[in-house]
Amino acid sequence: MNKNIQRGLVAVGALVLSGVAMAADADPGLDAINGLTTRATSYIAAAAAVAVVVAGGFWGISFMKKAFSRAG
């Protein structure tokens, strides 16, 4: 795995752990997010899914460019 990808995964893991630690306390921001309607929550989840698909698309394009440049 690429070192940049590994560093990114470590950073995301640290961010998630710090988020869990912060969520253990009473957080008005978290309460506000949890109080959103189901429609707003589904929009947020859809936006996150689109972001993952777009990032994967850019990664796939760069991967294929490397593969085709090495092939011929």
N, C-alpha and C. Protein backbone atom coordinates (compact mmCIF):
# COMPACT_ATOMS: atom_id res chain seq x y z
N MET A 1 0.85 -1.18 0.00
CA MET A 1 0.00 0.00 0.00
C MET A 1 0.90 1.24 0.00
N ASN A 2 0.48 2.25 -0.68
CA ASN A 2 1.21 3.50 -0.77
C ASN A 2 1.35 4.13 0.61
N LYS A 3 2.53 4.75 0.86
CA LYS A 3 2.75 5.37 2.18
C LYS A 3 1.77 6.51 2.43
N ASN A 4 1.41 7.25 1.39
CA ASN A 4 0.45 8.34 1.57
C ASN A 4 -0.91 7.80 1.97
N ILE A 5 -1.30 6.68 1.41
CA ILE A 5 -2.58 6.06 1.76
C ILE A 5 -2.53 5.59 3.20
N GLN A 6 -1.41 4.99 3.61
CA GLN A 6 -1.27 4.53 4.98
C GLN A 6 -1.34 5.70 5.95
N ARG A 7 -0.66 6.78 5.62
CA ARG A 7 -0.70 7.96 6.49
C ARG A 7 -2.12 8.53 6.57
N GLY A 8 -2.81 8.53 5.46
CA GLY A 8 -4.18 9.01 5.45
C GLY A 8 -5.09 8.15 6.31
N LEU A 9 -4.91 6.84 6.23
CA LEU A 9 -5.72 5.94 7.04
C LEU A 9 -5.44 6.13 8.53
N VAL A 10 -4.17 6.34 8.86
CA VAL A 10 -3.82 6.59 10.26
C VAL A 10 -4.45 7.89 10.74
N ALA A 11 -4.41 8.93 9.88
CA ALA A 11 -5.00 10.21 10.25
C ALA A 11 -6.52 10.09 10.45
N VAL A 12 -7.17 9.36 9.55
CA VAL A 12 -8.62 9.17 9.67
C VAL A 12 -8.94 8.38 10.94
N GLY A 13 -8.14 7.37 11.24
CA GLY A 13 -8.36 6.59 12.46
C GLY A 13 -8.22 7.45 13.71
N ALA A 14 -7.21 8.31 13.72
CA ALA A 14 -7.02 9.20 14.87
C ALA A 14 -8.19 10.17 14.98
N LEU A 15 -8.67 10.65 13.84
CA LEU A 15 -9.80 11.57 13.85
C LEU A 15 -11.05 10.90 14.39
N VAL A 16 -11.27 9.67 13.98
CA VAL A 16 -12.44 8.93 14.46
C VAL A 16 -12.35 8.69 15.97
N LEU A 17 -11.16 8.30 16.43
CA LEU A 17 -10.99 8.07 17.87
C LEU A 17 -11.21 9.34 18.67
N SER A 18 -10.71 10.45 18.16
CA SER A 18 -10.92 11.71 18.89
C SER A 18 -12.39 12.11 18.85
N GLY A 19 -13.06 11.82 17.75
CA GLY A 19 -14.48 12.11 17.66
C GLY A 19 -15.30 11.29 18.63
N VAL A 20 -14.92 10.03 18.80
CA VAL A 20 -15.62 9.16 19.76
C VAL A 20 -15.39 9.66 21.17
N ALA A 21 -14.16 10.10 21.46
CA ALA A 21 -13.86 10.61 22.79
C ALA A 21 -14.65 11.89 23.07
N MET A 22 -14.78 12.74 22.06
CA MET A 22 -15.54 13.97 22.25
C MET A 22 -17.03 13.67 22.39
N ALA A 23 -17.50 12.64 21.70
CA ALA A 23 -18.93 12.31 21.75
C ALA A 23 -19.33 11.76 23.11
N ALA A 24 -18.36 11.27 23.86
CA ALA A 24 -18.68 10.74 25.19
C ALA A 24 -19.16 11.86 26.11
N ASP A 25 -18.68 13.07 25.89
CA ASP A 25 -19.13 14.22 26.67
C ASP A 25 -20.42 14.76 26.07
N ALA A 26 -21.11 15.58 26.84
CA ALA A 26 -22.32 16.23 26.32
C ALA A 26 -21.89 17.30 25.32
N ASP A 27 -22.22 17.10 24.06
CA ASP A 27 -21.81 18.03 23.01
C ASP A 27 -23.06 18.60 22.35
N PRO A 28 -23.29 19.91 22.45
CA PRO A 28 -24.48 20.47 21.83
C PRO A 28 -24.51 20.33 20.31
N GLY A 29 -23.34 20.34 19.69
CA GLY A 29 -23.28 20.15 18.23
C GLY A 29 -23.74 18.76 17.83
N LEU A 30 -23.29 17.77 18.60
CA LEU A 30 -23.69 16.39 18.33
C LEU A 30 -25.17 16.20 18.58
N ASP A 31 -25.67 16.81 19.63
CA ASP A 31 -27.11 16.74 19.90
C ASP A 31 -27.91 17.37 18.77
N ALA A 32 -27.39 18.45 18.20
CA ALA A 32 -28.08 19.10 17.08
C ALA A 32 -28.10 18.20 15.85
N ILE A 33 -26.98 17.52 15.59
CA ILE A 33 -26.92 16.61 14.44
C ILE A 33 -27.87 15.44 14.65
N ASN A 34 -27.87 14.89 15.87
CA ASN A 34 -28.76 13.76 16.15
C ASN A 34 -30.22 14.17 16.10
N GLY A 35 -30.51 15.45 16.31
CA GLY A 35 -31.89 15.91 16.28
C GLY A 35 -32.40 16.25 14.90
N LEU A 36 -31.56 16.09 13.89
CA LEU A 36 -32.00 16.39 12.53
C LEU A 36 -33.10 15.42 12.09
N THR A 37 -33.86 15.86 11.15
CA THR A 37 -34.90 14.97 10.62
C THR A 37 -34.25 13.83 9.85
N THR A 38 -34.99 12.79 9.62
CA THR A 38 -34.44 11.66 8.87
C THR A 38 -34.11 12.04 7.45
N ARG A 39 -34.84 12.99 6.89
CA ARG A 39 -34.54 13.44 5.53
C ARG A 39 -33.18 14.11 5.48
N ALA A 40 -32.90 14.99 6.44
CA ALA A 40 -31.61 15.67 6.46
C ALA A 40 -30.49 14.67 6.69
N THR A 41 -30.73 13.70 7.56
CA THR A 41 -29.72 12.68 7.81
C THR A 41 -29.45 11.87 6.56
N SER A 42 -30.49 11.54 5.81
CA SER A 42 -30.28 10.78 4.58
C SER A 42 -29.55 11.61 3.53
N TYR A 43 -29.80 12.93 3.49
CA TYR A 43 -29.06 13.79 2.58
C TYR A 43 -27.58 13.82 2.93
N ILE A 44 -27.29 13.89 4.23
CA ILE A 44 -25.89 13.91 4.67
C ILE A 44 -25.21 12.59 4.30
N ALA A 45 -25.89 11.48 4.51
CA ALA A 45 -25.33 10.17 4.18
C ALA A 45 -25.12 10.05 2.67
N ALA A 46 -26.06 10.56 1.88
CA ALA A 46 -25.92 10.51 0.43
C ALA A 46 -24.73 11.36 -0.03
N ALA A 47 -24.55 12.53 0.59
CA ALA A 47 -23.42 13.38 0.22
C ALA A 47 -22.09 12.69 0.55
N ALA A 48 -22.03 12.00 1.68
CA ALA A 48 -20.81 11.28 2.04
C ALA A 48 -20.56 10.14 1.04
N ALA A 49 -21.61 9.46 0.63
CA ALA A 49 -21.46 8.37 -0.34
C ALA A 49 -20.97 8.90 -1.68
N VAL A 50 -21.50 10.04 -2.11
CA VAL A 50 -21.05 10.64 -3.37
C VAL A 50 -19.59 11.04 -3.27
N ALA A 51 -19.18 11.57 -2.13
CA ALA A 51 -17.78 11.96 -1.95
C ALA A 51 -16.86 10.76 -2.05
N VAL A 52 -17.28 9.62 -1.48
CA VAL A 52 -16.47 8.41 -1.56
C VAL A 52 -16.39 7.91 -3.00
N VAL A 53 -17.48 7.95 -3.72
CA VAL A 53 -17.49 7.50 -5.12
C VAL A 53 -16.60 8.39 -5.98
N VAL A 54 -16.67 9.70 -5.77
CA VAL A 54 -15.85 10.63 -6.55
C VAL A 54 -14.37 10.40 -6.25
N ALA A 55 -14.03 10.26 -4.97
CA ALA A 55 -12.63 10.01 -4.61
C ALA A 55 -12.14 8.70 -5.22
N GLY A 56 -12.98 7.68 -5.18
CA GLY A 56 -12.62 6.40 -5.79
C GLY A 56 -12.45 6.52 -7.29
N GLY A 57 -13.27 7.33 -7.92
CA GLY A 57 -13.14 7.54 -9.37
C GLY A 57 -11.82 8.19 -9.72
N PHE A 58 -11.43 9.22 -8.96
CA PHE A 58 -10.15 9.87 -9.23
C PHE A 58 -8.99 8.91 -8.98
N TRP A 59 -9.10 8.10 -7.93
CA TRP A 59 -8.05 7.12 -7.66
C TRP A 59 -7.99 6.10 -8.80
N GLY A 60 -9.14 5.65 -9.27
CA GLY A 60 -9.18 4.67 -10.36
C GLY A 60 -8.60 5.22 -11.65
N ILE A 61 -8.89 6.48 -11.94
CA ILE A 61 -8.34 7.10 -13.15
C ILE A 61 -6.82 7.16 -13.06
N SER A 62 -6.30 7.59 -11.92
CA SER A 62 -4.84 7.68 -11.79
C SER A 62 -4.20 6.29 -11.83
N PHE A 63 -4.88 5.30 -11.26
CA PHE A 63 -4.37 3.94 -11.29
C PHE A 63 -4.31 3.43 -12.74
N MET A 64 -5.36 3.67 -13.50
CA MET A 64 -5.37 3.20 -14.88
C MET A 64 -4.35 3.93 -15.74
N LYS A 65 -4.13 5.22 -15.47
CA LYS A 65 -3.09 5.95 -16.21
C LYS A 65 -1.73 5.32 -15.98
N LYS A 66 -1.44 4.97 -14.73
CA LYS A 66 -0.16 4.33 -14.43
C LYS A 66 -0.05 2.98 -15.10
N ALA A 67 -1.14 2.20 -15.06
CA ALA A 67 -1.13 0.86 -15.63
C ALA A 67 -0.92 0.91 -17.15
N PHE A 68 -1.61 1.83 -17.82
CA PHE A 68 -1.50 1.92 -19.27
C PHE A 68 -0.17 2.52 -19.69
N SER A 69 0.39 3.42 -18.89
CA SER A 69 1.69 3.99 -19.25
C SER A 69 2.80 2.95 -19.13
N ARG A 70 2.66 2.03 -18.19
CA ARG A 70 3.66 0.97 -18.04
C ARG A 70 3.48 -0.12 -19.10
N ALA A 71 2.26 -0.30 -19.57
CA ALA A 71 1.97 -1.38 -20.50
C ALA A 71 2.50 -1.07 -21.91
N GLY A 72 2.50 0.18 -22.25
CA GLY A 72 2.93 0.39 -23.62
C GLY A 72 3.21 1.79 -23.90
